[in-house]
Amino acid sequence: MNYIGSQINDSPTIVEKAGADVTDCRNLLYKYDDNGQLVVAGAGELVAGIGLIESGYNDVTGGESGKVKAGEDLTVQIKDIGLVKAGGAIKKGAEVASDANGKAVEAAEGDYVIGIAQDKAEADGDYIYIQITKYKK
């Protein structure tokens, strides 16, 4: 779309280069490294987006679903409602941040919030939807 001469991208996803190898990038939380590439977010860090379930596989070049090597394209969701992998129990309606492994956990004071839980997670590895909304708690 073009609004009064400015280009506005209304896509909920972006494609960036991975800054490191990731064995299973799907539904994890990612941040930008010092080189402007995506790496798995650490505990409470500012999150750029959520790795998509389709990431790591390309119909043209092949590849194994979920595996991404440094320098390859990684698609992340940056807005709207996304599916994340939980790092533990999360209450529906809780503010969500990244744990040390890029999984979603309930945000603590001082964490960067990536979104609000739209479901509840009962354990590590559960999947929940979050409404993406970025701010510092």
N, C-alpha and C. Protein backbone atom coordinates (compact mmCIF):
# COMPACT_ATOMS: atom_id res chain seq x y z
N MET A 1 0.84 -1.18 0.00
CA MET A 1 0.00 0.00 0.00
C MET A 1 0.89 1.24 0.00
N ASN A 2 0.34 2.32 -0.50
CA ASN A 2 1.06 3.57 -0.52
C ASN A 2 0.18 4.64 0.13
N TYR A 3 0.65 5.21 1.24
CA TYR A 3 -0.09 6.23 1.96
C TYR A 3 0.66 7.56 1.87
N ILE A 4 0.13 8.49 1.10
CA ILE A 4 0.69 9.82 0.93
C ILE A 4 2.19 9.77 0.71
N GLY A 5 2.60 8.95 -0.22
CA GLY A 5 4.01 8.88 -0.60
C GLY A 5 4.88 7.98 0.25
N SER A 6 4.38 7.43 1.34
CA SER A 6 5.17 6.55 2.20
C SER A 6 4.77 5.10 1.98
N GLN A 7 5.74 4.24 1.87
CA GLN A 7 5.46 2.82 1.75
C GLN A 7 5.17 2.24 3.12
N ILE A 8 4.05 1.55 3.27
CA ILE A 8 3.70 0.89 4.52
C ILE A 8 3.49 -0.59 4.22
N ASN A 9 4.24 -1.44 4.90
CA ASN A 9 4.11 -2.87 4.73
C ASN A 9 3.15 -3.38 5.80
N ASP A 10 2.00 -3.88 5.40
CA ASP A 10 1.03 -4.36 6.38
C ASP A 10 1.10 -5.87 6.61
N SER A 11 2.16 -6.51 6.14
CA SER A 11 2.34 -7.94 6.35
C SER A 11 2.65 -8.22 7.83
N PRO A 12 2.11 -9.30 8.39
CA PRO A 12 2.43 -9.64 9.78
C PRO A 12 3.78 -10.33 9.93
N THR A 13 4.48 -10.59 8.82
CA THR A 13 5.77 -11.28 8.90
C THR A 13 6.86 -10.51 8.17
N ILE A 14 8.10 -10.82 8.57
CA ILE A 14 9.27 -10.32 7.87
C ILE A 14 10.24 -11.48 7.69
N VAL A 15 11.14 -11.34 6.73
CA VAL A 15 12.17 -12.35 6.50
C VAL A 15 13.51 -11.69 6.76
N GLU A 16 14.30 -12.30 7.63
CA GLU A 16 15.63 -11.80 7.99
C GLU A 16 16.61 -12.97 7.92
N LYS A 17 17.89 -12.68 8.02
CA LYS A 17 18.91 -13.72 8.04
C LYS A 17 19.10 -14.21 9.47
N ALA A 18 19.30 -15.52 9.60
CA ALA A 18 19.60 -16.11 10.91
C ALA A 18 21.05 -15.81 11.26
N GLY A 19 21.29 -15.44 12.49
CA GLY A 19 22.63 -15.12 12.95
C GLY A 19 23.37 -16.32 13.52
N ALA A 20 22.68 -17.45 13.65
CA ALA A 20 23.29 -18.67 14.19
C ALA A 20 22.46 -19.86 13.75
N ASP A 21 23.05 -21.05 13.81
CA ASP A 21 22.31 -22.28 13.51
C ASP A 21 21.27 -22.52 14.61
N VAL A 22 20.09 -22.98 14.20
CA VAL A 22 19.04 -23.34 15.16
C VAL A 22 18.49 -24.70 14.74
N THR A 23 18.50 -25.65 15.67
CA THR A 23 18.03 -27.00 15.39
C THR A 23 16.54 -27.04 15.10
N ASP A 24 15.75 -26.31 15.89
CA ASP A 24 14.31 -26.23 15.65
C ASP A 24 13.86 -24.81 15.96
N CYS A 25 13.71 -24.01 14.92
CA CYS A 25 13.42 -22.59 15.06
C CYS A 25 11.94 -22.28 15.24
N ARG A 26 11.10 -23.27 15.05
CA ARG A 26 9.66 -23.04 15.00
C ARG A 26 9.06 -22.62 16.34
N ASN A 27 8.30 -21.52 16.30
CA ASN A 27 7.53 -20.99 17.42
C ASN A 27 8.38 -20.49 18.58
N LEU A 28 9.68 -20.27 18.32
CA LEU A 28 10.53 -19.65 19.34
C LEU A 28 10.55 -18.14 19.15
N LEU A 29 11.05 -17.44 20.17
CA LEU A 29 11.13 -15.99 20.14
C LEU A 29 12.54 -15.58 19.72
N TYR A 30 12.62 -14.55 18.86
CA TYR A 30 13.90 -14.11 18.28
C TYR A 30 14.15 -12.64 18.53
N LYS A 31 15.43 -12.32 18.67
CA LYS A 31 15.88 -10.93 18.82
C LYS A 31 16.91 -10.66 17.72
N TYR A 32 17.25 -9.38 17.56
CA TYR A 32 18.33 -9.01 16.65
C TYR A 32 19.66 -9.05 17.39
N ASP A 33 20.69 -9.62 16.75
CA ASP A 33 22.03 -9.58 17.34
C ASP A 33 22.72 -8.28 16.91
N ASP A 34 23.99 -8.12 17.29
CA ASP A 34 24.73 -6.89 16.98
C ASP A 34 24.93 -6.69 15.49
N ASN A 35 24.78 -7.74 14.69
CA ASN A 35 24.93 -7.66 13.23
C ASN A 35 23.59 -7.48 12.51
N GLY A 36 22.50 -7.32 13.28
CA GLY A 36 21.18 -7.14 12.68
C GLY A 36 20.56 -8.43 12.17
N GLN A 37 21.07 -9.56 12.64
CA GLN A 37 20.51 -10.86 12.26
C GLN A 37 19.72 -11.44 13.42
N LEU A 38 18.84 -12.38 13.10
CA LEU A 38 17.99 -12.97 14.14
C LEU A 38 18.67 -14.13 14.84
N VAL A 39 18.59 -14.10 16.17
CA VAL A 39 19.06 -15.19 17.02
C VAL A 39 18.00 -15.43 18.09
N VAL A 40 18.02 -16.60 18.70
CA VAL A 40 17.06 -16.93 19.75
C VAL A 40 17.21 -15.92 20.89
N ALA A 41 16.08 -15.39 21.34
CA ALA A 41 16.07 -14.40 22.42
C ALA A 41 16.41 -15.06 23.75
N GLY A 42 17.04 -14.29 24.62
CA GLY A 42 17.34 -14.72 25.97
C GLY A 42 16.29 -14.24 26.95
N ALA A 43 16.49 -14.55 28.21
CA ALA A 43 15.52 -14.22 29.25
C ALA A 43 15.25 -12.72 29.34
N GLY A 44 13.98 -12.34 29.15
CA GLY A 44 13.54 -10.97 29.31
C GLY A 44 14.00 -10.00 28.24
N GLU A 45 14.67 -10.50 27.20
CA GLU A 45 15.22 -9.60 26.18
C GLU A 45 14.14 -9.09 25.22
N LEU A 46 14.46 -7.99 24.56
CA LEU A 46 13.58 -7.40 23.56
C LEU A 46 13.43 -8.38 22.39
N VAL A 47 12.21 -8.76 22.08
CA VAL A 47 11.92 -9.75 21.04
C VAL A 47 11.50 -9.07 19.75
N ALA A 48 12.09 -9.50 18.63
CA ALA A 48 11.72 -8.97 17.32
C ALA A 48 10.49 -9.69 16.77
N GLY A 49 10.39 -11.01 17.01
CA GLY A 49 9.26 -11.76 16.48
C GLY A 49 9.30 -13.23 16.83
N ILE A 50 8.32 -13.95 16.30
CA ILE A 50 8.10 -15.38 16.57
C ILE A 50 8.44 -16.17 15.30
N GLY A 51 9.29 -17.19 15.43
CA GLY A 51 9.60 -18.05 14.29
C GLY A 51 8.36 -18.80 13.82
N LEU A 52 8.11 -18.77 12.52
CA LEU A 52 6.93 -19.44 11.98
C LEU A 52 7.13 -20.95 11.92
N ILE A 53 6.02 -21.68 11.98
CA ILE A 53 6.04 -23.14 11.94
C ILE A 53 6.62 -23.65 10.63
N GLU A 54 6.50 -22.87 9.54
CA GLU A 54 7.02 -23.28 8.23
C GLU A 54 8.50 -22.98 8.07
N SER A 55 9.10 -22.28 9.01
CA SER A 55 10.49 -21.86 8.88
C SER A 55 11.43 -23.06 8.75
N GLY A 56 12.49 -22.86 7.96
CA GLY A 56 13.50 -23.89 7.82
C GLY A 56 13.27 -24.84 6.67
N TYR A 57 12.15 -24.70 5.97
CA TYR A 57 11.93 -25.57 4.81
C TYR A 57 11.56 -24.70 3.62
N ASN A 58 12.19 -24.97 2.50
CA ASN A 58 11.96 -24.21 1.28
C ASN A 58 11.58 -25.19 0.19
N ASP A 59 10.44 -24.97 -0.48
CA ASP A 59 9.97 -25.86 -1.54
C ASP A 59 10.97 -25.99 -2.68
N VAL A 60 11.76 -24.95 -2.90
CA VAL A 60 12.71 -24.95 -4.02
C VAL A 60 14.02 -25.63 -3.63
N THR A 61 14.59 -25.21 -2.49
CA THR A 61 15.91 -25.72 -2.10
C THR A 61 15.83 -26.93 -1.19
N GLY A 62 14.65 -27.24 -0.70
CA GLY A 62 14.51 -28.37 0.22
C GLY A 62 14.87 -27.96 1.63
N GLY A 63 15.49 -28.86 2.36
CA GLY A 63 15.84 -28.58 3.75
C GLY A 63 14.91 -29.33 4.68
N GLU A 64 15.28 -29.34 5.93
CA GLU A 64 14.49 -30.05 6.93
C GLU A 64 13.70 -29.04 7.73
N SER A 65 12.41 -29.27 7.90
CA SER A 65 11.54 -28.34 8.59
C SER A 65 12.08 -28.03 9.99
N GLY A 66 12.17 -26.75 10.28
CA GLY A 66 12.61 -26.30 11.59
C GLY A 66 14.09 -26.01 11.70
N LYS A 67 14.92 -26.61 10.84
CA LYS A 67 16.37 -26.37 10.91
C LYS A 67 16.74 -25.15 10.08
N VAL A 68 17.49 -24.25 10.71
CA VAL A 68 17.97 -23.06 10.02
C VAL A 68 19.45 -22.91 10.32
N LYS A 69 20.23 -22.64 9.29
CA LYS A 69 21.67 -22.42 9.46
C LYS A 69 21.95 -20.92 9.41
N ALA A 70 23.01 -20.51 10.06
CA ALA A 70 23.42 -19.11 10.04
C ALA A 70 23.50 -18.61 8.60
N GLY A 71 22.92 -17.45 8.35
CA GLY A 71 22.93 -16.86 7.02
C GLY A 71 21.72 -17.21 6.18
N GLU A 72 20.95 -18.22 6.59
CA GLU A 72 19.74 -18.58 5.84
C GLU A 72 18.59 -17.66 6.25
N ASP A 73 17.56 -17.63 5.40
CA ASP A 73 16.38 -16.83 5.70
C ASP A 73 15.60 -17.45 6.86
N LEU A 74 15.08 -16.58 7.71
CA LEU A 74 14.23 -16.98 8.83
C LEU A 74 13.03 -16.04 8.82
N THR A 75 11.84 -16.61 8.74
CA THR A 75 10.61 -15.82 8.73
C THR A 75 10.05 -15.73 10.13
N VAL A 76 9.78 -14.50 10.58
CA VAL A 76 9.22 -14.29 11.91
C VAL A 76 7.96 -13.43 11.81
N GLN A 77 7.04 -13.72 12.72
CA GLN A 77 5.81 -12.93 12.82
C GLN A 77 6.08 -11.77 13.77
N ILE A 78 5.67 -10.56 13.37
CA ILE A 78 5.97 -9.38 14.16
C ILE A 78 4.73 -8.66 14.69
N LYS A 79 3.53 -9.10 14.28
CA LYS A 79 2.31 -8.47 14.77
C LYS A 79 1.15 -9.45 14.71
N ASP A 80 0.03 -9.03 15.28
CA ASP A 80 -1.22 -9.80 15.32
C ASP A 80 -1.16 -10.91 16.37
N ILE A 81 -1.82 -12.03 16.13
CA ILE A 81 -1.86 -13.14 17.09
C ILE A 81 -1.00 -14.27 16.55
N GLY A 82 0.00 -14.70 17.35
CA GLY A 82 0.93 -15.73 16.92
C GLY A 82 0.99 -16.90 17.89
N LEU A 83 1.48 -18.02 17.39
CA LEU A 83 1.61 -19.25 18.16
C LEU A 83 3.04 -19.38 18.67
N VAL A 84 3.21 -19.54 19.99
CA VAL A 84 4.53 -19.66 20.60
C VAL A 84 4.64 -20.95 21.41
N LYS A 85 5.89 -21.38 21.61
CA LYS A 85 6.16 -22.54 22.45
C LYS A 85 6.43 -22.02 23.87
N ALA A 86 5.74 -22.59 24.84
CA ALA A 86 5.88 -22.17 26.23
C ALA A 86 7.08 -22.84 26.89
N GLY A 87 7.66 -22.12 27.83
CA GLY A 87 8.77 -22.65 28.62
C GLY A 87 8.32 -23.11 29.99
N GLY A 88 7.02 -23.08 30.23
CA GLY A 88 6.45 -23.48 31.51
C GLY A 88 5.00 -23.04 31.58
N ALA A 89 4.40 -23.14 32.75
CA ALA A 89 3.00 -22.77 32.93
C ALA A 89 2.81 -21.27 32.70
N ILE A 90 1.76 -20.92 31.96
CA ILE A 90 1.39 -19.52 31.69
C ILE A 90 -0.11 -19.41 31.85
N LYS A 91 -0.56 -18.40 32.60
CA LYS A 91 -2.00 -18.16 32.76
C LYS A 91 -2.55 -17.41 31.56
N LYS A 92 -3.76 -17.72 31.18
CA LYS A 92 -4.44 -16.96 30.13
C LYS A 92 -4.55 -15.51 30.60
N GLY A 93 -4.18 -14.58 29.72
CA GLY A 93 -4.23 -13.16 30.06
C GLY A 93 -2.93 -12.62 30.64
N ALA A 94 -1.95 -13.49 30.87
CA ALA A 94 -0.67 -13.06 31.45
C ALA A 94 0.20 -12.37 30.40
N GLU A 95 1.03 -11.44 30.87
CA GLU A 95 2.04 -10.84 30.00
C GLU A 95 3.11 -11.90 29.75
N VAL A 96 3.60 -11.98 28.51
CA VAL A 96 4.53 -13.03 28.12
C VAL A 96 5.85 -12.41 27.67
N ALA A 97 6.94 -13.05 28.10
CA ALA A 97 8.30 -12.65 27.72
C ALA A 97 9.07 -13.90 27.32
N SER A 98 10.32 -13.71 26.93
CA SER A 98 11.18 -14.84 26.55
C SER A 98 11.91 -15.39 27.76
N ASP A 99 12.11 -16.72 27.79
CA ASP A 99 13.01 -17.31 28.78
C ASP A 99 14.40 -17.39 28.15
N ALA A 100 15.34 -18.03 28.80
CA ALA A 100 16.72 -18.10 28.31
C ALA A 100 16.86 -18.90 27.02
N ASN A 101 15.83 -19.68 26.65
CA ASN A 101 15.88 -20.53 25.46
C ASN A 101 14.93 -20.09 24.36
N GLY A 102 14.41 -18.85 24.43
CA GLY A 102 13.50 -18.35 23.41
C GLY A 102 12.09 -18.88 23.51
N LYS A 103 11.74 -19.48 24.64
CA LYS A 103 10.37 -19.95 24.85
C LYS A 103 9.61 -18.91 25.66
N ALA A 104 8.30 -18.94 25.53
CA ALA A 104 7.44 -17.97 26.22
C ALA A 104 7.25 -18.36 27.69
N VAL A 105 7.36 -17.35 28.55
CA VAL A 105 7.09 -17.51 29.98
C VAL A 105 6.37 -16.26 30.46
N GLU A 106 5.78 -16.33 31.66
CA GLU A 106 5.16 -15.14 32.22
C GLU A 106 6.24 -14.10 32.49
N ALA A 107 5.96 -12.86 32.09
CA ALA A 107 6.93 -11.77 32.22
C ALA A 107 7.12 -11.35 33.67
N ALA A 108 8.35 -11.02 34.01
CA ALA A 108 8.69 -10.49 35.33
C ALA A 108 8.98 -8.99 35.18
N GLU A 109 8.98 -8.29 36.29
CA GLU A 109 9.29 -6.86 36.28
C GLU A 109 10.64 -6.62 35.60
N GLY A 110 10.68 -5.68 34.66
CA GLY A 110 11.90 -5.37 33.93
C GLY A 110 12.08 -6.13 32.63
N ASP A 111 11.26 -7.16 32.40
CA ASP A 111 11.32 -7.92 31.14
C ASP A 111 10.68 -7.12 30.02
N TYR A 112 11.11 -7.42 28.78
CA TYR A 112 10.41 -6.91 27.61
C TYR A 112 9.28 -7.87 27.30
N VAL A 113 8.06 -7.37 27.29
CA VAL A 113 6.88 -8.18 27.02
C VAL A 113 6.71 -8.30 25.50
N ILE A 114 6.48 -9.51 25.02
CA ILE A 114 6.22 -9.74 23.60
C ILE A 114 4.72 -9.82 23.34
N GLY A 115 3.92 -10.17 24.35
CA GLY A 115 2.49 -10.24 24.12
C GLY A 115 1.69 -10.68 25.33
N ILE A 116 0.40 -10.84 25.10
CA ILE A 116 -0.55 -11.25 26.13
C ILE A 116 -1.08 -12.64 25.76
N ALA A 117 -1.01 -13.57 26.72
CA ALA A 117 -1.44 -14.96 26.48
C ALA A 117 -2.94 -15.02 26.20
N GLN A 118 -3.30 -15.65 25.09
CA GLN A 118 -4.70 -15.84 24.72
C GLN A 118 -5.20 -17.23 25.12
N ASP A 119 -4.29 -18.08 25.58
CA ASP A 119 -4.57 -19.43 26.06
C ASP A 119 -3.77 -19.62 27.34
N LYS A 120 -3.93 -20.78 27.96
CA LYS A 120 -3.05 -21.11 29.08
C LYS A 120 -2.14 -22.26 28.68
N ALA A 121 -0.93 -22.22 29.20
CA ALA A 121 0.02 -23.33 29.02
C ALA A 121 0.14 -24.01 30.36
N GLU A 122 0.19 -25.33 30.35
CA GLU A 122 0.31 -26.06 31.59
C GLU A 122 1.74 -26.52 31.86
N ALA A 123 2.56 -26.61 30.79
CA ALA A 123 3.92 -27.15 30.98
C ALA A 123 4.84 -26.68 29.85
N ASP A 124 6.13 -26.89 30.07
CA ASP A 124 7.15 -26.62 29.07
C ASP A 124 6.83 -27.40 27.80
N GLY A 125 6.88 -26.72 26.66
CA GLY A 125 6.62 -27.37 25.39
C GLY A 125 5.20 -27.22 24.88
N ASP A 126 4.28 -26.75 25.74
CA ASP A 126 2.92 -26.49 25.27
C ASP A 126 2.96 -25.33 24.27
N TYR A 127 1.96 -25.26 23.42
CA TYR A 127 1.83 -24.16 22.47
C TYR A 127 0.63 -23.31 22.86
N ILE A 128 0.81 -21.99 22.81
CA ILE A 128 -0.29 -21.06 23.09
C ILE A 128 -0.26 -19.91 22.09
N TYR A 129 -1.41 -19.29 21.94
CA TYR A 129 -1.49 -18.08 21.12
C TYR A 129 -1.25 -16.87 22.01
N ILE A 130 -0.55 -15.88 21.45
CA ILE A 130 -0.38 -14.61 22.14
C ILE A 130 -0.75 -13.47 21.19
N GLN A 131 -1.32 -12.41 21.77
CA GLN A 131 -1.54 -11.18 21.02
C GLN A 131 -0.26 -10.40 21.13
N ILE A 132 0.43 -10.21 20.01
CA ILE A 132 1.74 -9.54 20.02
C ILE A 132 1.55 -8.06 20.36
N THR A 133 2.24 -7.63 21.39
CA THR A 133 2.24 -6.24 21.82
C THR A 133 3.55 -6.02 22.57
N LYS A 134 4.41 -5.17 22.09
CA LYS A 134 5.77 -5.06 22.63
C LYS A 134 5.93 -3.84 23.53
N TYR A 135 6.39 -4.09 24.76
CA TYR A 135 6.71 -3.01 25.70
C TYR A 135 7.54 -3.58 26.84
N LYS A 136 8.12 -2.69 27.64
CA LYS A 136 8.90 -3.13 28.79
C LYS A 136 8.04 -3.07 30.03
N LYS A 137 8.05 -4.15 30.80
CA LYS A 137 7.23 -4.23 32.02
C LYS A 137 7.92 -3.49 33.15
